[in-house]
Amino acid sequence: MIEIRVGDTGVGMSPQVCRRAFESFFTTKEIGKGTGLGLFISYNLVTEIDGTIELESELGKGTTIIIRIPIRPKKDLIGGDDAERDLLSAAKEDDG
């Protein structure tokens, strides 16, 4: 696994906000200042590649986001052996 931690020393989040943070369109920002999609999209991208994303937060002290992504060959991320074979076949057709 590769672990990425991103933290701040901002106002932090309450446990109630942390529980909802990955929901689509959930935001604590005022109207017109945020869509509530950032963490939702991040969660979906990370879980799509079998990773995890979580929050650690304390009011008045800040928040840390922890992303864990499994290490594996790139070809697994772009469709596996079939995708590689298809790319090679297409390249041969172009050459020929």
PDB file of N, CA and C in Angstrom:
ATOM      1  N   MET A   1       0.828  -1.184   0.000  1.00  0.00           N
ATOM      2  CA  MET A   1       0.000   0.000   0.000  1.00  0.00           C
ATOM      3  C   MET A   1       0.872   1.247   0.000  1.00  0.00           C
ATOM      4  N   ILE A   2       0.387   2.234  -0.682  1.00  0.00           N
ATOM      5  CA  ILE A   2       0.963   3.567  -0.601  1.00  0.00           C
ATOM      6  C   ILE A   2      -0.001   4.385   0.240  1.00  0.00           C
ATOM      7  N   GLU A   3       0.529   5.106   1.204  1.00  0.00           N
ATOM      8  CA  GLU A   3      -0.318   5.939   2.059  1.00  0.00           C
ATOM      9  C   GLU A   3       0.032   7.400   1.838  1.00  0.00           C
ATOM     10  N   ILE A   4      -0.996   8.199   1.591  1.00  0.00           N
ATOM     11  CA  ILE A   4      -0.838   9.640   1.397  1.00  0.00           C
ATOM     12  C   ILE A   4      -1.647  10.322   2.485  1.00  0.00           C
ATOM     13  N   ARG A   5      -1.014  11.243   3.186  1.00  0.00           N
ATOM     14  CA  ARG A   5      -1.703  12.009   4.226  1.00  0.00           C
ATOM     15  C   ARG A   5      -1.636  13.489   3.861  1.00  0.00           C
ATOM     16  N   VAL A   6      -2.800  14.141   3.897  1.00  0.00           N
ATOM     17  CA  VAL A   6      -2.873  15.575   3.644  1.00  0.00           C
ATOM     18  C   VAL A   6      -3.597  16.185   4.838  1.00  0.00           C
ATOM     19  N   GLY A   7      -2.943  17.131   5.494  1.00  0.00           N
ATOM     20  CA  GLY A   7      -3.536  17.706   6.685  1.00  0.00           C
ATOM     21  C   GLY A   7      -3.504  19.213   6.704  1.00  0.00           C
ATOM     22  N   ASP A   8      -4.337  19.771   7.566  1.00  0.00           N
ATOM     23  CA  ASP A   8      -4.338  21.215   7.766  1.00  0.00           C
ATOM     24  C   ASP A   8      -4.477  21.510   9.256  1.00  0.00           C
ATOM     25  N   THR A   9      -4.329  22.764   9.587  1.00  0.00           N
ATOM     26  CA  THR A   9      -4.480  23.201  10.977  1.00  0.00           C
ATOM     27  C   THR A   9      -5.665  24.144  11.087  1.00  0.00           C
ATOM     28  N   GLY A  10      -6.696  23.846  10.300  1.00  0.00           N
ATOM     29  CA  GLY A  10      -7.889  24.693  10.267  1.00  0.00           C
ATOM     30  C   GLY A  10      -8.817  24.445  11.438  1.00  0.00           C
ATOM     31  N   VAL A  11     -10.082  24.724  11.210  1.00  0.00           N
ATOM     32  CA  VAL A  11     -11.084  24.651  12.290  1.00  0.00           C
ATOM     33  C   VAL A  11     -11.501  23.230  12.616  1.00  0.00           C
ATOM     34  N   GLY A  12     -11.198  22.280  11.761  1.00  0.00           N
ATOM     35  CA  GLY A  12     -11.571  20.890  12.006  1.00  0.00           C
ATOM     36  C   GLY A  12     -13.046  20.644  11.715  1.00  0.00           C
ATOM     37  N   MET A  13     -13.461  19.407  11.903  1.00  0.00           N
ATOM     38  CA  MET A  13     -14.849  19.018  11.655  1.00  0.00           C
ATOM     39  C   MET A  13     -15.387  18.242  12.846  1.00  0.00           C
ATOM     40  N   SER A  14     -16.656  18.426  13.092  1.00  0.00           N
ATOM     41  CA  SER A  14     -17.306  17.662  14.151  1.00  0.00           C
ATOM     42  C   SER A  14     -17.482  16.215  13.694  1.00  0.00           C
ATOM     43  N   PRO A  15     -17.695  15.286  14.616  1.00  0.00           N
ATOM     44  CA  PRO A  15     -17.947  13.899  14.221  1.00  0.00           C
ATOM     45  C   PRO A  15     -19.157  13.763  13.287  1.00  0.00           C
ATOM     46  N   GLN A  16     -20.170  14.589  13.485  1.00  0.00           N
ATOM     47  CA  GLN A  16     -21.362  14.538  12.626  1.00  0.00           C
ATOM     48  C   GLN A  16     -21.012  14.935  11.186  1.00  0.00           C
ATOM     49  N   VAL A  17     -20.191  15.962  11.033  1.00  0.00           N
ATOM     50  CA  VAL A  17     -19.776  16.407   9.694  1.00  0.00           C
ATOM     51  C   VAL A  17     -18.869  15.347   9.067  1.00  0.00           C
ATOM     52  N   CYS A  18     -17.950  14.776   9.814  1.00  0.00           N
ATOM     53  CA  CYS A  18     -17.062  13.728   9.286  1.00  0.00           C
ATOM     54  C   CYS A  18     -17.858  12.544   8.751  1.00  0.00           C
ATOM     55  N   ARG A  19     -18.919  12.165   9.448  1.00  0.00           N
ATOM     56  CA  ARG A  19     -19.734  11.027   8.997  1.00  0.00           C
ATOM     57  C   ARG A  19     -20.394  11.288   7.651  1.00  0.00           C
ATOM     58  N   ARG A  20     -20.673  12.550   7.331  1.00  0.00           N
ATOM     59  CA  ARG A  20     -21.363  12.887   6.087  1.00  0.00           C
ATOM     60  C   ARG A  20     -20.433  13.437   5.000  1.00  0.00           C
ATOM     61  N   ALA A  21     -19.170  13.627   5.306  1.00  0.00           N
ATOM     62  CA  ALA A  21     -18.252  14.343   4.419  1.00  0.00           C
ATOM     63  C   ALA A  21     -18.129  13.745   3.020  1.00  0.00           C
ATOM     64  N   PHE A  22     -18.307  12.432   2.873  1.00  0.00           N
ATOM     65  CA  PHE A  22     -18.145  11.794   1.569  1.00  0.00           C
ATOM     66  C   PHE A  22     -19.470  11.674   0.806  1.00  0.00           C
ATOM     67  N   GLU A  23     -20.550  12.216   1.344  1.00  0.00           N
ATOM     68  CA  GLU A  23     -21.844  12.191   0.654  1.00  0.00           C
ATOM     69  C   GLU A  23     -21.849  13.211  -0.485  1.00  0.00           C
ATOM     70  N   SER A  24     -22.537  12.863  -1.564  1.00  0.00           N
ATOM     71  CA  SER A  24     -22.628  13.811  -2.678  1.00  0.00           C
ATOM     72  C   SER A  24     -23.451  15.026  -2.270  1.00  0.00           C
ATOM     73  N   PHE A  25     -22.988  16.170  -2.674  1.00  0.00           N
ATOM     74  CA  PHE A  25     -23.615  17.475  -2.450  1.00  0.00           C
ATOM     75  C   PHE A  25     -23.666  17.901  -0.986  1.00  0.00           C
ATOM     76  N   PHE A  26     -22.931  17.229  -0.113  1.00  0.00           N
ATOM     77  CA  PHE A  26     -22.874  17.662   1.282  1.00  0.00           C
ATOM     78  C   PHE A  26     -21.774  18.704   1.425  1.00  0.00           C
ATOM     79  N   THR A  27     -22.107  19.856   1.964  1.00  0.00           N
ATOM     80  CA  THR A  27     -21.125  20.909   2.201  1.00  0.00           C
ATOM     81  C   THR A  27     -21.514  21.699   3.440  1.00  0.00           C
ATOM     82  N   THR A  28     -20.522  22.249   4.084  1.00  0.00           N
ATOM     83  CA  THR A  28     -20.775  23.145   5.213  1.00  0.00           C
ATOM     84  C   THR A  28     -20.550  24.596   4.795  1.00  0.00           C
ATOM     85  N   LYS A  29     -20.197  24.781   3.535  1.00  0.00           N
ATOM     86  CA  LYS A  29     -19.950  26.137   3.027  1.00  0.00           C
ATOM     87  C   LYS A  29     -21.276  26.834   2.727  1.00  0.00           C
ATOM     88  N   GLU A  30     -21.230  28.149   2.695  1.00  0.00           N
ATOM     89  CA  GLU A  30     -22.439  28.901   2.381  1.00  0.00           C
ATOM     90  C   GLU A  30     -22.834  28.692   0.923  1.00  0.00           C
ATOM     91  N   ILE A  31     -24.079  28.947   0.613  1.00  0.00           N
ATOM     92  CA  ILE A  31     -24.612  28.745  -0.730  1.00  0.00           C
ATOM     93  C   ILE A  31     -23.776  29.512  -1.751  1.00  0.00           C
ATOM     94  N   GLY A  32     -23.430  28.829  -2.828  1.00  0.00           N
ATOM     95  CA  GLY A  32     -22.638  29.428  -3.894  1.00  0.00           C
ATOM     96  C   GLY A  32     -21.135  29.326  -3.695  1.00  0.00           C
ATOM     97  N   LYS A  33     -20.683  28.788  -2.562  1.00  0.00           N
ATOM     98  CA  LYS A  33     -19.246  28.702  -2.274  1.00  0.00           C
ATOM     99  C   LYS A  33     -18.663  27.305  -2.436  1.00  0.00           C
ATOM    100  N   GLY A  34     -19.503  26.324  -2.637  1.00  0.00           N
ATOM    101  CA  GLY A  34     -19.005  24.959  -2.804  1.00  0.00           C
ATOM    102  C   GLY A  34     -20.105  24.058  -3.318  1.00  0.00           C
ATOM    103  N   THR A  35     -19.692  23.003  -4.020  1.00  0.00           N
ATOM    104  CA  THR A  35     -20.683  22.087  -4.586  1.00  0.00           C
ATOM    105  C   THR A  35     -20.939  20.872  -3.708  1.00  0.00           C
ATOM    106  N   GLY A  36     -20.012  20.571  -2.811  1.00  0.00           N
ATOM    107  CA  GLY A  36     -20.161  19.365  -2.005  1.00  0.00           C
ATOM    108  C   GLY A  36     -19.816  18.104  -2.781  1.00  0.00           C
ATOM    109  N   LEU A  37     -19.004  18.246  -3.821  1.00  0.00           N
ATOM    110  CA  LEU A  37     -18.649  17.084  -4.638  1.00  0.00           C
ATOM    111  C   LEU A  37     -17.188  16.662  -4.503  1.00  0.00           C
ATOM    112  N   GLY A  38     -16.339  17.491  -3.936  1.00  0.00           N
ATOM    113  CA  GLY A  38     -14.901  17.195  -3.882  1.00  0.00           C
ATOM    114  C   GLY A  38     -14.562  15.891  -3.198  1.00  0.00           C
ATOM    115  N   LEU A  39     -15.000  15.713  -1.966  1.00  0.00           N
ATOM    116  CA  LEU A  39     -14.689  14.473  -1.251  1.00  0.00           C
ATOM    117  C   LEU A  39     -15.484  13.295  -1.795  1.00  0.00           C
ATOM    118  N   PHE A  40     -16.683  13.552  -2.307  1.00  0.00           N
ATOM    119  CA  PHE A  40     -17.489  12.502  -2.920  1.00  0.00           C
ATOM    120  C   PHE A  40     -16.762  11.919  -4.136  1.00  0.00           C
ATOM    121  N   ILE A  41     -16.258  12.777  -5.000  1.00  0.00           N
ATOM    122  CA  ILE A  41     -15.531  12.331  -6.193  1.00  0.00           C
ATOM    123  C   ILE A  41     -14.231  11.647  -5.787  1.00  0.00           C
ATOM    124  N   SER A  42     -13.520  12.223  -4.834  1.00  0.00           N
ATOM    125  CA  SER A  42     -12.268  11.619  -4.359  1.00  0.00           C
ATOM    126  C   SER A  42     -12.511  10.213  -3.829  1.00  0.00           C
ATOM    127  N   TYR A  43     -13.556  10.050  -3.038  1.00  0.00           N
ATOM    128  CA  TYR A  43     -13.901   8.745  -2.477  1.00  0.00           C
ATOM    129  C   TYR A  43     -14.146   7.735  -3.599  1.00  0.00           C
ATOM    130  N   ASN A  44     -14.914   8.126  -4.597  1.00  0.00           N
ATOM    131  CA  ASN A  44     -15.228   7.210  -5.698  1.00  0.00           C
ATOM    132  C   ASN A  44     -13.993   6.846  -6.514  1.00  0.00           C
ATOM    133  N   LEU A  45     -13.121   7.804  -6.764  1.00  0.00           N
ATOM    134  CA  LEU A  45     -11.889   7.524  -7.513  1.00  0.00           C
ATOM    135  C   LEU A  45     -10.986   6.560  -6.756  1.00  0.00           C
ATOM    136  N   VAL A  46     -10.810   6.805  -5.467  1.00  0.00           N
ATOM    137  CA  VAL A  46      -9.915   5.973  -4.667  1.00  0.00           C
ATOM    138  C   VAL A  46     -10.484   4.565  -4.499  1.00  0.00           C
ATOM    139  N   THR A  47     -11.766   4.436  -4.238  1.00  0.00           N
ATOM    140  CA  THR A  47     -12.346   3.100  -4.060  1.00  0.00           C
ATOM    141  C   THR A  47     -12.402   2.327  -5.376  1.00  0.00           C
ATOM    142  N   GLU A  48     -12.463   3.026  -6.495  1.00  0.00           N
ATOM    143  CA  GLU A  48     -12.473   2.364  -7.809  1.00  0.00           C
ATOM    144  C   GLU A  48     -11.194   1.565  -8.037  1.00  0.00           C
ATOM    145  N   ILE A  49     -10.091   1.991  -7.461  1.00  0.00           N
ATOM    146  CA  ILE A  49      -8.820   1.268  -7.608  1.00  0.00           C
ATOM    147  C   ILE A  49      -8.485   0.492  -6.331  1.00  0.00           C
ATOM    148  N   ASP A  50      -9.533   0.121  -5.595  1.00  0.00           N
ATOM    149  CA  ASP A  50      -9.420  -0.712  -4.394  1.00  0.00           C
ATOM    150  C   ASP A  50      -8.652  -0.049  -3.259  1.00  0.00           C
ATOM    151  N   GLY A  51      -8.689   1.276  -3.211  1.00  0.00           N
ATOM    152  CA  GLY A  51      -8.051   2.005  -2.126  1.00  0.00           C
ATOM    153  C   GLY A  51      -9.063   2.408  -1.066  1.00  0.00           C
ATOM    154  N   THR A  52      -8.567   3.091  -0.055  1.00  0.00           N
ATOM    155  CA  THR A  52      -9.431   3.610   1.001  1.00  0.00           C
ATOM    156  C   THR A  52      -9.106   5.081   1.230  1.00  0.00           C
ATOM    157  N   ILE A  53     -10.091   5.802   1.736  1.00  0.00           N
ATOM    158  CA  ILE A  53      -9.898   7.200   2.092  1.00  0.00           C
ATOM    159  C   ILE A  53     -10.663   7.431   3.392  1.00  0.00           C
ATOM    160  N   GLU A  54     -10.019   8.097   4.338  1.00  0.00           N
ATOM    161  CA  GLU A  54     -10.675   8.359   5.618  1.00  0.00           C
ATOM    162  C   GLU A  54     -10.258   9.715   6.159  1.00  0.00           C
ATOM    163  N   LEU A  55     -11.025  10.189   7.109  1.00  0.00           N
ATOM    164  CA  LEU A  55     -10.766  11.486   7.730  1.00  0.00           C
ATOM    165  C   LEU A  55     -10.425  11.306   9.198  1.00  0.00           C
ATOM    166  N   GLU A  56      -9.485  12.110   9.660  1.00  0.00           N
ATOM    167  CA  GLU A  56      -9.228  12.279  11.092  1.00  0.00           C
ATOM    168  C   GLU A  56      -9.364  13.768  11.340  1.00  0.00           C
ATOM    169  N   SER A  57     -10.228  14.152  12.250  1.00  0.00           N
ATOM    170  CA  SER A  57     -10.442  15.577  12.468  1.00  0.00           C
ATOM    171  C   SER A  57     -10.750  15.854  13.926  1.00  0.00           C
ATOM    172  N   GLU A  58     -10.304  17.021  14.359  1.00  0.00           N
ATOM    173  CA  GLU A  58     -10.589  17.473  15.720  1.00  0.00           C
ATOM    174  C   GLU A  58     -10.919  18.960  15.654  1.00  0.00           C
ATOM    175  N   LEU A  59     -12.057  19.303  16.224  1.00  0.00           N
ATOM    176  CA  LEU A  59     -12.473  20.706  16.213  1.00  0.00           C
ATOM    177  C   LEU A  59     -11.392  21.588  16.823  1.00  0.00           C
ATOM    178  N   GLY A  60     -11.099  22.669  16.153  1.00  0.00           N
ATOM    179  CA  GLY A  60     -10.098  23.617  16.634  1.00  0.00           C
ATOM    180  C   GLY A  60      -8.656  23.219  16.355  1.00  0.00           C
ATOM    181  N   LYS A  61      -8.429  22.024  15.818  1.00  0.00           N
ATOM    182  CA  LYS A  61      -7.055  21.564  15.593  1.00  0.00           C
ATOM    183  C   LYS A  61      -6.754  21.212  14.147  1.00  0.00           C
ATOM    184  N   GLY A  62      -7.775  20.893  13.352  1.00  0.00           N
ATOM    185  CA  GLY A  62      -7.537  20.593  11.945  1.00  0.00           C
ATOM    186  C   GLY A  62      -8.014  19.223  11.529  1.00  0.00           C
ATOM    187  N   THR A  63      -7.724  18.907  10.267  1.00  0.00           N
ATOM    188  CA  THR A  63      -8.190  17.667   9.645  1.00  0.00           C
ATOM    189  C   THR A  63      -7.064  17.041   8.848  1.00  0.00           C
ATOM    190  N   THR A  64      -7.012  15.722   8.863  1.00  0.00           N
ATOM    191  CA  THR A  64      -6.089  14.965   8.029  1.00  0.00           C
ATOM    192  C   THR A  64      -6.902  13.976   7.215  1.00  0.00           C
ATOM    193  N   ILE A  65      -6.622  13.926   5.920  1.00  0.00           N
ATOM    194  CA  ILE A  65      -7.227  12.935   5.036  1.00  0.00           C
ATOM    195  C   ILE A  65      -6.168  11.888   4.754  1.00  0.00           C
ATOM    196  N   ILE A  66      -6.514  10.614   4.952  1.00  0.00           N
ATOM    197  CA  ILE A  66      -5.585   9.512   4.722  1.00  0.00           C
ATOM    198  C   ILE A  66      -6.093   8.694   3.543  1.00  0.00           C
ATOM    199  N   ILE A  67      -5.255   8.603   2.509  1.00  0.00           N
ATOM    200  CA  ILE A  67      -5.588   7.824   1.317  1.00  0.00           C
ATOM    201  C   ILE A  67      -4.609   6.657   1.251  1.00  0.00           C
ATOM    202  N   ARG A  68      -5.146   5.457   1.092  1.00  0.00           N
ATOM    203  CA  ARG A  68      -4.311   4.264   0.935  1.00  0.00           C
ATOM    204  C   ARG A  68      -4.647   3.617  -0.404  1.00  0.00           C
ATOM    205  N   ILE A  69      -3.612   3.415  -1.217  1.00  0.00           N
ATOM    206  CA  ILE A  69      -3.786   2.856  -2.555  1.00  0.00           C
ATOM    207  C   ILE A  69      -2.897   1.621  -2.664  1.00  0.00           C
ATOM    208  N   PRO A  70      -3.458   0.495  -3.133  1.00  0.00           N
ATOM    209  CA  PRO A  70      -2.636  -0.706  -3.270  1.00  0.00           C
ATOM    210  C   PRO A  70      -1.607  -0.560  -4.385  1.00  0.00           C
ATOM    211  N   ILE A  71      -0.457  -1.181  -4.197  1.00  0.00           N
ATOM    212  CA  ILE A  71       0.585  -1.189  -5.225  1.00  0.00           C
ATOM    213  C   ILE A  71       0.302  -2.370  -6.130  1.00  0.00           C
ATOM    214  N   ARG A  72       0.247  -2.120  -7.430  1.00  0.00           N
ATOM    215  CA  ARG A  72       0.049  -3.182  -8.407  1.00  0.00           C
ATOM    216  C   ARG A  72       0.495  -2.688  -9.776  1.00  0.00           C
ATOM    217  N   PRO A  73       0.690  -3.589 -10.714  1.00  0.00           N
ATOM    218  CA  PRO A  73       1.154  -3.162 -12.040  1.00  0.00           C
ATOM    219  C   PRO A  73       0.157  -2.215 -12.714  1.00  0.00           C
ATOM    220  N   LYS A  74       0.679  -1.289 -13.496  1.00  0.00           N
ATOM    221  CA  LYS A  74      -0.167  -0.327 -14.204  1.00  0.00           C
ATOM    222  C   LYS A  74      -1.191  -1.002 -15.099  1.00  0.00           C
ATOM    223  N   LYS A  75      -0.824  -2.113 -15.728  1.00  0.00           N
ATOM    224  CA  LYS A  75      -1.750  -2.735 -16.669  1.00  0.00           C
ATOM    225  C   LYS A  75      -3.052  -3.132 -15.989  1.00  0.00           C
ATOM    226  N   ASP A  76      -3.017  -3.455 -14.701  1.00  0.00           N
ATOM    227  CA  ASP A  76      -4.248  -3.747 -13.964  1.00  0.00           C
ATOM    228  C   ASP A  76      -5.157  -2.527 -13.898  1.00  0.00           C
ATOM    229  N   LEU A  77      -4.572  -1.344 -13.880  1.00  0.00           N
ATOM    230  CA  LEU A  77      -5.353  -0.125 -13.757  1.00  0.00           C
ATOM    231  C   LEU A  77      -5.971   0.314 -15.079  1.00  0.00           C
ATOM    232  N   ILE A  78      -5.456  -0.196 -16.207  1.00  0.00           N
ATOM    233  CA  ILE A  78      -5.994   0.228 -17.502  1.00  0.00           C
ATOM    234  C   ILE A  78      -6.708  -0.895 -18.235  1.00  0.00           C
ATOM    235  N   GLY A  79      -7.093  -1.926 -17.537  1.00  0.00           N
ATOM    236  CA  GLY A  79      -7.893  -2.955 -18.165  1.00  0.00           C
ATOM    237  C   GLY A  79      -7.243  -4.320 -18.250  1.00  0.00           C
ATOM    238  N   GLY A  80      -6.077  -4.504 -17.688  1.00  0.00           N
ATOM    239  CA  GLY A  80      -5.457  -5.814 -17.643  1.00  0.00           C
ATOM    240  C   GLY A  80      -4.853  -6.260 -18.963  1.00  0.00           C
ATOM    241  N   ASP A  81      -4.619  -7.570 -19.086  1.00  0.00           N
ATOM    242  CA  ASP A  81      -3.947  -8.148 -20.250  1.00  0.00           C
ATOM    243  C   ASP A  81      -4.730  -7.938 -21.540  1.00  0.00           C
ATOM    244  N   ASP A  82      -6.056  -7.982 -21.477  1.00  0.00           N
ATOM    245  CA  ASP A  82      -6.870  -7.783 -22.679  1.00  0.00           C
ATOM    246  C   ASP A  82      -6.629  -6.407 -23.285  1.00  0.00           C
ATOM    247  N   ALA A  83      -6.551  -5.388 -22.456  1.00  0.00           N
ATOM    248  CA  ALA A  83      -6.327  -4.033 -22.960  1.00  0.00           C
ATOM    249  C   ALA A  83      -4.958  -3.925 -23.620  1.00  0.00           C
ATOM    250  N   GLU A  84      -3.960  -4.543 -23.013  1.00  0.00           N
ATOM    251  CA  GLU A  84      -2.613  -4.509 -23.587  1.00  0.00           C
ATOM    252  C   GLU A  84      -2.592  -5.226 -24.934  1.00  0.00           C
ATOM    253  N   ARG A  85      -3.247  -6.397 -25.024  1.00  0.00           N
ATOM    254  CA  ARG A  85      -3.324  -7.147 -26.278  1.00  0.00           C
ATOM    255  C   ARG A  85      -4.040  -6.331 -27.353  1.00  0.00           C
ATOM    256  N   ASP A  86      -5.137  -5.676 -26.996  1.00  0.00           N
ATOM    257  CA  ASP A  86      -5.889  -4.857 -27.949  1.00  0.00           C
ATOM    258  C   ASP A  86      -5.046  -3.702 -28.470  1.00  0.00           C
ATOM    259  N   LEU A  87      -4.268  -3.074 -27.584  1.00  0.00           N
ATOM    260  CA  LEU A  87      -3.397  -1.975 -28.019  1.00  0.00           C
ATOM    261  C   LEU A  87      -2.334  -2.463 -28.985  1.00  0.00           C
ATOM    262  N   LEU A  88      -1.743  -3.632 -28.704  1.00  0.00           N
ATOM    263  CA  LEU A  88      -0.722  -4.189 -29.599  1.00  0.00           C
ATOM    264  C   LEU A  88      -1.325  -4.552 -30.955  1.00  0.00           C
ATOM    265  N   SER A  89      -2.527  -5.131 -30.955  1.00  0.00           N
ATOM    266  CA  SER A  89      -3.204  -5.478 -32.211  1.00  0.00           C
ATOM    267  C   SER A  89      -3.487  -4.235 -33.039  1.00  0.00           C
ATOM    268  N   ALA A  90      -3.955  -3.179 -32.396  1.00  0.00           N
ATOM    269  CA  ALA A  90      -4.257  -1.927 -33.103  1.00  0.00           C
ATOM    270  C   ALA A  90      -2.985  -1.337 -33.688  1.00  0.00           C
ATOM    271  N   ALA A  91      -1.877  -1.405 -32.960  1.00  0.00           N
ATOM    272  CA  ALA A  91      -0.609  -0.851 -33.452  1.00  0.00           C
ATOM    273  C   ALA A  91      -0.133  -1.632 -34.672  1.00  0.00           C
ATOM    274  N   LYS A  92      -0.295  -2.956 -34.674  1.00  0.00           N
ATOM    275  CA  LYS A  92       0.118  -3.771 -35.814  1.00  0.00           C
ATOM    276  C   LYS A  92      -0.708  -3.450 -37.041  1.00  0.00           C
ATOM    277  N   GLU A  93      -2.024  -3.230 -36.844  1.00  0.00           N
ATOM    278  CA  GLU A  93      -2.903  -2.889 -37.963  1.00  0.00           C
ATOM    279  C   GLU A  93      -2.498  -1.547 -38.573  1.00  0.00           C
ATOM    280  N   ASP A  94      -2.115  -0.592 -37.735  1.00  0.00           N
ATOM    281  CA  ASP A  94      -1.699   0.728 -38.225  1.00  0.00           C
ATOM    282  C   ASP A  94      -0.409   0.627 -39.041  1.00  0.00           C
ATOM    283  N   ASP A  95       0.492  -0.294 -38.656  1.00  0.00           N
ATOM    284  CA  ASP A  95       1.762  -0.445 -39.353  1.00  0.00           C
ATOM    285  C   ASP A  95       1.603  -1.182 -40.682  1.00  0.00           C
ATOM    286  N   GLY A  96       0.493  -1.856 -40.824  1.00  0.00           N
ATOM    287  CA  GLY A  96       0.339  -2.567 -41.861  1.00  0.00           C
ATOM    288  C   GLY A  96       0.005  -3.206 -42.958  1.00  0.00           C
TER     289      GLY A  96
END
